[in-house]
């Protein structure tokens, strides 16, 4: 995702945290969107309740293929719906 953002000349910071650290990471970094790995899709609703930004689950195929371009597009789509 970071490489895809740089290729699009977007100022983006991408980082990963365990799902249990999301509330603390949100308070520290104030991300614009949060994307969850498909393996933790079961926490989607609880994370959505805890943070005031769009939260979604990354498509399993895009995640497995490590397709940063598609995942970045997903994040940007979430931002445009805000």
C-alpha atoms as a PDB file:
ATOM      1  CA  UNK A   1       0.000   0.000   0.000  1.00  0.00           C
ATOM      2  CA  UNK A   2       2.791   2.408   0.828  1.00  0.00           C
ATOM      3  CA  UNK A   3       4.421   1.827  -2.582  1.00  0.00           C
ATOM      4  CA  UNK A   4       1.075   2.200  -4.343  1.00  0.00           C
ATOM      5  CA  UNK A   5       0.457   5.498  -2.523  1.00  0.00           C
ATOM      6  CA  UNK A   6       3.907   6.788  -3.461  1.00  0.00           C
ATOM      7  CA  UNK A   7       3.319   5.831  -7.096  1.00  0.00           C
ATOM      8  CA  UNK A   8       0.114   7.901  -7.001  1.00  0.00           C
ATOM      9  CA  UNK A   9       1.954  10.782  -5.287  1.00  0.00           C
ATOM     10  CA  UNK A  10      -0.257  10.470  -2.230  1.00  0.00           C
ATOM     11  CA  UNK A  11       0.950  11.432   1.208  1.00  0.00           C
ATOM     12  CA  UNK A  12      -0.085   8.322   3.114  1.00  0.00           C
ATOM     13  CA  UNK A  13       1.167   6.461   6.133  1.00  0.00           C
ATOM     14  CA  UNK A  14       0.361   2.773   6.315  1.00  0.00           C
ATOM     15  CA  UNK A  15       0.945   0.765   9.459  1.00  0.00           C
ATOM     16  CA  UNK A  16      -0.241  -2.482  10.960  1.00  0.00           C
ATOM     17  CA  UNK A  17      -1.338  -3.289  14.506  1.00  0.00           C
ATOM     18  CA  UNK A  18      -2.918  -6.253  16.195  1.00  0.00           C
ATOM     19  CA  UNK A  19      -6.680  -5.771  16.428  1.00  0.00           C
ATOM     20  CA  UNK A  20      -6.497  -5.498  20.223  1.00  0.00           C
ATOM     21  CA  UNK A  21      -4.290  -2.412  19.867  1.00  0.00           C
ATOM     22  CA  UNK A  22      -6.607  -0.551  17.494  1.00  0.00           C
ATOM     23  CA  UNK A  23      -8.200   1.801  20.056  1.00  0.00           C
ATOM     24  CA  UNK A  24      -4.810   2.870  21.432  1.00  0.00           C
ATOM     25  CA  UNK A  25      -3.324   3.191  17.943  1.00  0.00           C
ATOM     26  CA  UNK A  26      -6.289   5.319  16.904  1.00  0.00           C
ATOM     27  CA  UNK A  27      -5.821   7.702  19.833  1.00  0.00           C
ATOM     28  CA  UNK A  28      -2.103   8.002  19.084  1.00  0.00           C
ATOM     29  CA  UNK A  29      -2.086   8.204  15.275  1.00  0.00           C
ATOM     30  CA  UNK A  30      -5.612   9.355  14.297  1.00  0.00           C
ATOM     31  CA  UNK A  31      -5.845   7.350  11.049  1.00  0.00           C
ATOM     32  CA  UNK A  32      -8.416   8.345   8.442  1.00  0.00           C
ATOM     33  CA  UNK A  33      -9.497   4.731   7.810  1.00  0.00           C
ATOM     34  CA  UNK A  34      -8.890   1.345   9.364  1.00  0.00           C
ATOM     35  CA  UNK A  35      -8.716  -1.839   7.326  1.00  0.00           C
ATOM     36  CA  UNK A  36      -8.875  -5.219   9.015  1.00  0.00           C
ATOM     37  CA  UNK A  37      -7.287  -8.395   7.741  1.00  0.00           C
ATOM     38  CA  UNK A  38      -9.861 -10.980   6.645  1.00  0.00           C
ATOM     39  CA  UNK A  39      -8.782 -13.338   9.437  1.00  0.00           C
ATOM     40  CA  UNK A  40     -10.200 -10.914  12.040  1.00  0.00           C
ATOM     41  CA  UNK A  41     -13.384  -9.946  10.214  1.00  0.00           C
ATOM     42  CA  UNK A  42     -15.323 -11.059  13.294  1.00  0.00           C
ATOM     43  CA  UNK A  43     -14.216  -7.906  15.184  1.00  0.00           C
ATOM     44  CA  UNK A  44     -15.489  -5.513  12.499  1.00  0.00           C
ATOM     45  CA  UNK A  45     -18.587  -4.329  14.373  1.00  0.00           C
ATOM     46  CA  UNK A  46     -16.804  -3.892  17.689  1.00  0.00           C
ATOM     47  CA  UNK A  47     -14.013  -1.852  16.069  1.00  0.00           C
ATOM     48  CA  UNK A  48     -16.586   0.269  14.222  1.00  0.00           C
ATOM     49  CA  UNK A  49     -18.171   1.081  17.600  1.00  0.00           C
ATOM     50  CA  UNK A  50     -14.831   2.081  19.135  1.00  0.00           C
ATOM     51  CA  UNK A  51     -13.469   4.473  16.507  1.00  0.00           C
ATOM     52  CA  UNK A  52     -15.112   7.358  14.620  1.00  0.00           C
ATOM     53  CA  UNK A  53     -13.539   6.561  11.228  1.00  0.00           C
ATOM     54  CA  UNK A  54     -14.536   4.179   8.435  1.00  0.00           C
ATOM     55  CA  UNK A  55     -13.586   0.554   9.155  1.00  0.00           C
ATOM     56  CA  UNK A  56     -13.738  -2.298   6.642  1.00  0.00           C
ATOM     57  CA  UNK A  57     -12.353  -5.762   6.019  1.00  0.00           C
ATOM     58  CA  UNK A  58      -9.768  -6.178   3.266  1.00  0.00           C
ATOM     59  CA  UNK A  59     -10.865  -8.443   0.433  1.00  0.00           C
ATOM     60  CA  UNK A  60      -9.416 -11.905   1.093  1.00  0.00           C
ATOM     61  CA  UNK A  61      -7.927 -12.276  -2.402  1.00  0.00           C
ATOM     62  CA  UNK A  62      -6.319  -8.815  -2.330  1.00  0.00           C
ATOM     63  CA  UNK A  63      -4.917  -9.539   1.127  1.00  0.00           C
ATOM     64  CA  UNK A  64      -3.580 -12.958   0.132  1.00  0.00           C
ATOM     65  CA  UNK A  65      -2.022 -11.611  -3.065  1.00  0.00           C
ATOM     66  CA  UNK A  66      -0.624  -8.615  -1.139  1.00  0.00           C
ATOM     67  CA  UNK A  67      -2.171  -6.358  -3.784  1.00  0.00           C
ATOM     68  CA  UNK A  68      -1.369  -2.991  -2.251  1.00  0.00           C
ATOM     69  CA  UNK A  69      -2.885  -1.140  -5.193  1.00  0.00           C
ATOM     70  CA  UNK A  70      -6.322  -2.682  -4.698  1.00  0.00           C
ATOM     71  CA  UNK A  71      -6.207  -2.319  -0.927  1.00  0.00           C
ATOM     72  CA  UNK A  72      -5.204   1.334  -1.285  1.00  0.00           C
ATOM     73  CA  UNK A  73      -8.124   1.836  -3.652  1.00  0.00           C
ATOM     74  CA  UNK A  74     -10.395   0.285  -1.018  1.00  0.00           C
ATOM     75  CA  UNK A  75      -9.076   2.706   1.604  1.00  0.00           C
ATOM     76  CA  UNK A  76      -9.543   5.690  -0.724  1.00  0.00           C
ATOM     77  CA  UNK A  77     -13.078   4.562  -1.548  1.00  0.00           C
ATOM     78  CA  UNK A  78     -13.848   4.470   2.181  1.00  0.00           C
ATOM     79  CA  UNK A  79     -12.512   8.005   2.540  1.00  0.00           C
ATOM     80  CA  UNK A  80     -14.666   9.256  -0.310  1.00  0.00           C
ATOM     81  CA  UNK A  81     -17.780   7.860   1.429  1.00  0.00           C
ATOM     82  CA  UNK A  82     -17.042   9.747   4.646  1.00  0.00           C
END
